[in-house]
C-alpha atoms as a PDB file:
ATOM      1  CA  UNK A   1       0.000   0.000   0.000  1.00  0.00           C
ATOM      2  CA  UNK A   2       1.220   3.468  -0.824  1.00  0.00           C
ATOM      3  CA  UNK A   3       0.522   4.750   2.712  1.00  0.00           C
ATOM      4  CA  UNK A   4       2.723   2.258   4.572  1.00  0.00           C
ATOM      5  CA  UNK A   5       6.106   3.602   5.630  1.00  0.00           C
ATOM      6  CA  UNK A   6       9.044   2.302   3.624  1.00  0.00           C
ATOM      7  CA  UNK A   7      12.747   2.522   4.425  1.00  0.00           C
ATOM      8  CA  UNK A   8      14.451   5.728   3.309  1.00  0.00           C
ATOM      9  CA  UNK A   9      17.670   4.596   1.623  1.00  0.00           C
ATOM     10  CA  UNK A  10      21.000   6.050   0.646  1.00  0.00           C
ATOM     11  CA  UNK A  11      22.633   5.237  -2.692  1.00  0.00           C
ATOM     12  CA  UNK A  12      24.168   2.059  -1.216  1.00  0.00           C
ATOM     13  CA  UNK A  13      20.838   0.576  -0.014  1.00  0.00           C
ATOM     14  CA  UNK A  14      21.513   1.472   3.633  1.00  0.00           C
ATOM     15  CA  UNK A  15      18.491   2.530   5.695  1.00  0.00           C
ATOM     16  CA  UNK A  16      18.772   6.163   6.795  1.00  0.00           C
ATOM     17  CA  UNK A  17      15.197   6.750   7.967  1.00  0.00           C
ATOM     18  CA  UNK A  18      11.577   6.270   6.935  1.00  0.00           C
ATOM     19  CA  UNK A  19       9.557   7.742   4.090  1.00  0.00           C
ATOM     20  CA  UNK A  20       6.552   6.947   1.912  1.00  0.00           C
ATOM     21  CA  UNK A  21       6.435   5.610  -1.620  1.00  0.00           C
ATOM     22  CA  UNK A  22       4.975   8.911  -2.829  1.00  0.00           C
ATOM     23  CA  UNK A  23       7.700  10.983  -1.189  1.00  0.00           C
ATOM     24  CA  UNK A  24      10.481   8.652  -2.395  1.00  0.00           C
ATOM     25  CA  UNK A  25       9.202   8.756  -5.989  1.00  0.00           C
ATOM     26  CA  UNK A  26       8.771  12.545  -5.912  1.00  0.00           C
ATOM     27  CA  UNK A  27      12.350  13.017  -4.717  1.00  0.00           C
ATOM     28  CA  UNK A  28      13.947  10.295  -6.861  1.00  0.00           C
ATOM     29  CA  UNK A  29      15.073   8.383  -3.766  1.00  0.00           C
ATOM     30  CA  UNK A  30      15.856   4.702  -4.195  1.00  0.00           C
ATOM     31  CA  UNK A  31      13.291   2.202  -2.917  1.00  0.00           C
ATOM     32  CA  UNK A  32      13.414  -1.477  -1.959  1.00  0.00           C
ATOM     33  CA  UNK A  33      11.225  -3.687  -4.135  1.00  0.00           C
ATOM     34  CA  UNK A  34      10.657  -7.413  -4.241  1.00  0.00           C
ATOM     35  CA  UNK A  35       9.805  -9.314  -7.454  1.00  0.00           C
ATOM     36  CA  UNK A  36       8.395 -12.825  -7.019  1.00  0.00           C
ATOM     37  CA  UNK A  37       8.601 -15.217  -9.941  1.00  0.00           C
ATOM     38  CA  UNK A  38       6.083 -17.989  -9.328  1.00  0.00           C
ATOM     39  CA  UNK A  39       6.460 -21.330 -11.068  1.00  0.00           C
ATOM     40  CA  UNK A  40       4.580 -24.620 -10.914  1.00  0.00           C
ATOM     41  CA  UNK A  41       5.387 -28.337 -11.034  1.00  0.00           C
ATOM     42  CA  UNK A  42       5.250 -28.250 -14.855  1.00  0.00           C
ATOM     43  CA  UNK A  43       8.042 -25.665 -15.054  1.00  0.00           C
ATOM     44  CA  UNK A  44       5.606 -22.946 -16.118  1.00  0.00           C
ATOM     45  CA  UNK A  45       5.733 -19.350 -14.888  1.00  0.00           C
ATOM     46  CA  UNK A  46       2.828 -17.242 -13.701  1.00  0.00           C
ATOM     47  CA  UNK A  47       2.221 -13.924 -15.417  1.00  0.00           C
ATOM     48  CA  UNK A  48      -0.090 -11.308 -13.946  1.00  0.00           C
ATOM     49  CA  UNK A  49      -1.776  -8.628 -16.054  1.00  0.00           C
ATOM     50  CA  UNK A  50      -1.642  -5.234 -14.327  1.00  0.00           C
ATOM     51  CA  UNK A  51      -4.869  -3.283 -14.103  1.00  0.00           C
ATOM     52  CA  UNK A  52      -5.757  -0.143 -16.055  1.00  0.00           C
ATOM     53  CA  UNK A  53      -5.667   1.706 -12.710  1.00  0.00           C
ATOM     54  CA  UNK A  54      -2.028   0.806 -12.044  1.00  0.00           C
ATOM     55  CA  UNK A  55      -0.088   4.016 -11.319  1.00  0.00           C
ATOM     56  CA  UNK A  56       2.812   2.874 -13.475  1.00  0.00           C
ATOM     57  CA  UNK A  57       2.906   0.356 -16.317  1.00  0.00           C
ATOM     58  CA  UNK A  58      -0.846  -0.290 -16.621  1.00  0.00           C
ATOM     59  CA  UNK A  59      -2.134  -3.219 -18.706  1.00  0.00           C
ATOM     60  CA  UNK A  60       1.159  -5.049 -19.094  1.00  0.00           C
ATOM     61  CA  UNK A  61       2.297  -8.446 -17.836  1.00  0.00           C
ATOM     62  CA  UNK A  62       4.183  -8.594 -14.569  1.00  0.00           C
ATOM     63  CA  UNK A  63       5.079 -10.917 -11.718  1.00  0.00           C
ATOM     64  CA  UNK A  64       4.006 -10.486  -8.111  1.00  0.00           C
ATOM     65  CA  UNK A  65       5.858  -7.853  -6.203  1.00  0.00           C
ATOM     66  CA  UNK A  66       5.949  -4.481  -4.601  1.00  0.00           C
ATOM     67  CA  UNK A  67       7.663  -2.242  -2.104  1.00  0.00           C
ATOM     68  CA  UNK A  68       9.331  -3.511   1.032  1.00  0.00           C
ATOM     69  CA  UNK A  69       7.766  -1.933   4.114  1.00  0.00           C
ATOM     70  CA  UNK A  70       9.710  -0.767   7.174  1.00  0.00           C
ATOM     71  CA  UNK A  71      10.793  -3.789   9.221  1.00  0.00           C
ATOM     72  CA  UNK A  72      10.321  -6.322   6.403  1.00  0.00           C
ATOM     73  CA  UNK A  73      12.880  -8.403   4.570  1.00  0.00           C
ATOM     74  CA  UNK A  74      12.594  -8.743   0.808  1.00  0.00           C
ATOM     75  CA  UNK A  75      11.254 -12.294   1.246  1.00  0.00           C
ATOM     76  CA  UNK A  76       8.689 -11.214   3.855  1.00  0.00           C
ATOM     77  CA  UNK A  77       7.494  -8.466   1.528  1.00  0.00           C
ATOM     78  CA  UNK A  78       7.233 -11.067  -1.227  1.00  0.00           C
ATOM     79  CA  UNK A  79       5.002 -13.323   0.861  1.00  0.00           C
ATOM     80  CA  UNK A  80       2.805 -10.336   1.741  1.00  0.00           C
ATOM     81  CA  UNK A  81       2.580  -9.080  -1.844  1.00  0.00           C
ATOM     82  CA  UNK A  82       1.638 -12.480  -3.291  1.00  0.00           C
ATOM     83  CA  UNK A  83      -1.097 -12.819  -0.697  1.00  0.00           C
ATOM     84  CA  UNK A  84      -2.389  -9.270  -1.313  1.00  0.00           C
ATOM     85  CA  UNK A  85      -2.464  -9.713  -5.094  1.00  0.00           C
ATOM     86  CA  UNK A  86      -3.555 -13.373  -5.438  1.00  0.00           C
ATOM     87  CA  UNK A  87      -4.838 -14.486  -2.001  1.00  0.00           C
ATOM     88  CA  UNK A  88      -2.342 -17.361  -1.991  1.00  0.00           C
ATOM     89  CA  UNK A  89       0.122 -18.272   0.755  1.00  0.00           C
ATOM     90  CA  UNK A  90       3.609 -19.036  -0.552  1.00  0.00           C
ATOM     91  CA  UNK A  91       7.099 -19.665   0.686  1.00  0.00           C
ATOM     92  CA  UNK A  92       9.544 -17.284  -0.986  1.00  0.00           C
ATOM     93  CA  UNK A  93      13.257 -17.772  -1.621  1.00  0.00           C
ATOM     94  CA  UNK A  94      15.555 -14.906  -2.539  1.00  0.00           C
ATOM     95  CA  UNK A  95      17.710 -15.776  -5.554  1.00  0.00           C
ATOM     96  CA  UNK A  96      20.189 -12.905  -5.567  1.00  0.00           C
ATOM     97  CA  UNK A  97      21.428  -9.906  -3.628  1.00  0.00           C
ATOM     98  CA  UNK A  98      19.677  -6.596  -4.423  1.00  0.00           C
ATOM     99  CA  UNK A  99      20.169  -5.185  -7.920  1.00  0.00           C
ATOM    100  CA  UNK A 100      19.810  -1.468  -8.601  1.00  0.00           C
ATOM    101  CA  UNK A 101      17.463  -0.796 -11.522  1.00  0.00           C
ATOM    102  CA  UNK A 102      14.986   2.013 -12.284  1.00  0.00           C
ATOM    103  CA  UNK A 103      15.381   3.813  -8.924  1.00  0.00           C
ATOM    104  CA  UNK A 104      14.891   0.567  -7.007  1.00  0.00           C
ATOM    105  CA  UNK A 105      17.015  -1.977  -5.236  1.00  0.00           C
ATOM    106  CA  UNK A 106      15.104  -5.089  -6.209  1.00  0.00           C
ATOM    107  CA  UNK A 107      15.510  -8.669  -5.143  1.00  0.00           C
ATOM    108  CA  UNK A 108      14.204 -11.395  -7.395  1.00  0.00           C
ATOM    109  CA  UNK A 109      12.532 -14.180  -5.447  1.00  0.00           C
ATOM    110  CA  UNK A 110      11.057 -17.526  -6.394  1.00  0.00           C
ATOM    111  CA  UNK A 111       7.982 -19.360  -5.192  1.00  0.00           C
ATOM    112  CA  UNK A 112       6.535 -22.653  -6.379  1.00  0.00           C
ATOM    113  CA  UNK A 113       2.820 -23.461  -6.259  1.00  0.00           C
ATOM    114  CA  UNK A 114       0.569 -26.118  -7.733  1.00  0.00           C
ATOM    115  CA  UNK A 115      -0.710 -25.387 -11.236  1.00  0.00           C
ATOM    116  CA  UNK A 116      -4.287 -26.043 -10.065  1.00  0.00           C
ATOM    117  CA  UNK A 117      -4.133 -23.304  -7.430  1.00  0.00           C
ATOM    118  CA  UNK A 118      -7.075 -20.899  -7.626  1.00  0.00           C
ATOM    119  CA  UNK A 119      -6.457 -17.178  -7.305  1.00  0.00           C
ATOM    120  CA  UNK A 120      -8.639 -14.382  -5.964  1.00  0.00           C
ATOM    121  CA  UNK A 121      -7.308 -11.329  -7.747  1.00  0.00           C
ATOM    122  CA  UNK A 122      -6.951  -7.908  -6.171  1.00  0.00           C
ATOM    123  CA  UNK A 123      -8.564  -6.375  -9.237  1.00  0.00           C
ATOM    124  CA  UNK A 124      -7.315  -2.833  -8.713  1.00  0.00           C
ATOM    125  CA  UNK A 125      -3.838  -4.317  -9.224  1.00  0.00           C
ATOM    126  CA  UNK A 126      -4.216  -7.598 -11.148  1.00  0.00           C
ATOM    127  CA  UNK A 127      -6.901  -8.297 -13.755  1.00  0.00           C
ATOM    128  CA  UNK A 128      -5.710 -11.592 -15.254  1.00  0.00           C
ATOM    129  CA  UNK A 129      -3.201 -14.405 -14.812  1.00  0.00           C
ATOM    130  CA  UNK A 130      -1.785 -17.058 -17.086  1.00  0.00           C
ATOM    131  CA  UNK A 131       0.790 -19.825 -16.932  1.00  0.00           C
ATOM    132  CA  UNK A 132       3.448 -19.892 -19.668  1.00  0.00           C
ATOM    133  CA  UNK A 133       6.358 -22.193 -20.386  1.00  0.00           C
ATOM    134  CA  UNK A 134       9.889 -20.858 -20.049  1.00  0.00           C
ATOM    135  CA  UNK A 135      10.291 -21.067 -23.824  1.00  0.00           C
ATOM    136  CA  UNK A 136       7.083 -19.105 -24.414  1.00  0.00           C
ATOM    137  CA  UNK A 137       8.017 -16.513 -21.801  1.00  0.00           C
ATOM    138  CA  UNK A 138      11.483 -15.935 -23.261  1.00  0.00           C
ATOM    139  CA  UNK A 139      10.005 -15.652 -26.759  1.00  0.00           C
ATOM    140  CA  UNK A 140       7.373 -13.142 -25.608  1.00  0.00           C
ATOM    141  CA  UNK A 141      10.004 -11.087 -23.795  1.00  0.00           C
ATOM    142  CA  UNK A 142      12.197 -11.025 -26.892  1.00  0.00           C
ATOM    143  CA  UNK A 143       9.427 -10.216 -29.388  1.00  0.00           C
ATOM    144  CA  UNK A 144       7.217  -7.961 -27.244  1.00  0.00           C
ATOM    145  CA  UNK A 145       9.189  -6.473 -24.326  1.00  0.00           C
ATOM    146  CA  UNK A 146       6.773  -3.513 -24.165  1.00  0.00           C
ATOM    147  CA  UNK A 147       4.033  -5.941 -23.077  1.00  0.00           C
ATOM    148  CA  UNK A 148       5.891  -6.463 -19.769  1.00  0.00           C
ATOM    149  CA  UNK A 149       7.007  -4.314 -16.868  1.00  0.00           C
ATOM    150  CA  UNK A 150      10.650  -3.251 -17.099  1.00  0.00           C
ATOM    151  CA  UNK A 151      11.463  -5.336 -13.990  1.00  0.00           C
ATOM    152  CA  UNK A 152      10.309  -8.571 -15.597  1.00  0.00           C
ATOM    153  CA  UNK A 153      12.357  -7.864 -18.720  1.00  0.00           C
ATOM    154  CA  UNK A 154      15.415  -6.855 -16.680  1.00  0.00           C
ATOM    155  CA  UNK A 155      15.188  -9.858 -14.347  1.00  0.00           C
ATOM    156  CA  UNK A 156      14.920 -12.396 -17.158  1.00  0.00           C
ATOM    157  CA  UNK A 157      17.728 -10.745 -19.131  1.00  0.00           C
ATOM    158  CA  UNK A 158      20.041 -10.803 -16.104  1.00  0.00           C
ATOM    159  CA  UNK A 159      18.881 -13.632 -13.833  1.00  0.00           C
ATOM    160  CA  UNK A 160      17.496 -16.380 -16.081  1.00  0.00           C
ATOM    161  CA  UNK A 161      19.750 -19.066 -14.547  1.00  0.00           C
ATOM    162  CA  UNK A 162      18.874 -18.109 -10.968  1.00  0.00           C
ATOM    163  CA  UNK A 163      15.157 -17.946 -11.772  1.00  0.00           C
ATOM    164  CA  UNK A 164      15.101 -21.405 -13.351  1.00  0.00           C
ATOM    165  CA  UNK A 165      17.551 -23.345 -11.145  1.00  0.00           C
ATOM    166  CA  UNK A 166      16.101 -26.138  -9.029  1.00  0.00           C
ATOM    167  CA  UNK A 167      12.827 -26.447 -10.938  1.00  0.00           C
END
């Protein structure tokens, strides 16, 4: 939620206080963000279509994720965000140390759920979901990168091995 306090960070990802998402964006301050790439037992990946009301990057495909609140780890924020967006409880594993990209220090995380899992979408954020194979996902990212959030494109370009290990 935009009203929850988030850590105020310096350029090295050290916490120097508290702020809000709105204030951090307005001032160009870096923010901590978690990105959760959910896969299933078939090796497919879950894509989530962002709503028209999304403040940034509306109507494009994304993964679960969001800002890390004060007092949360990246993984804890990931668990919270998946539940908020999909109403599903998951166990999240961080795959890499924070990467600085687009004014955020983001950590890519993985979660595995059953392909038959039902979702209850938080429709002001997520309007659709679909499972895609790794091959299909990589092809879509290559042919239509504008159909995805920049974080999804960046993560798959830089962390493909980490995101697919141990499937």
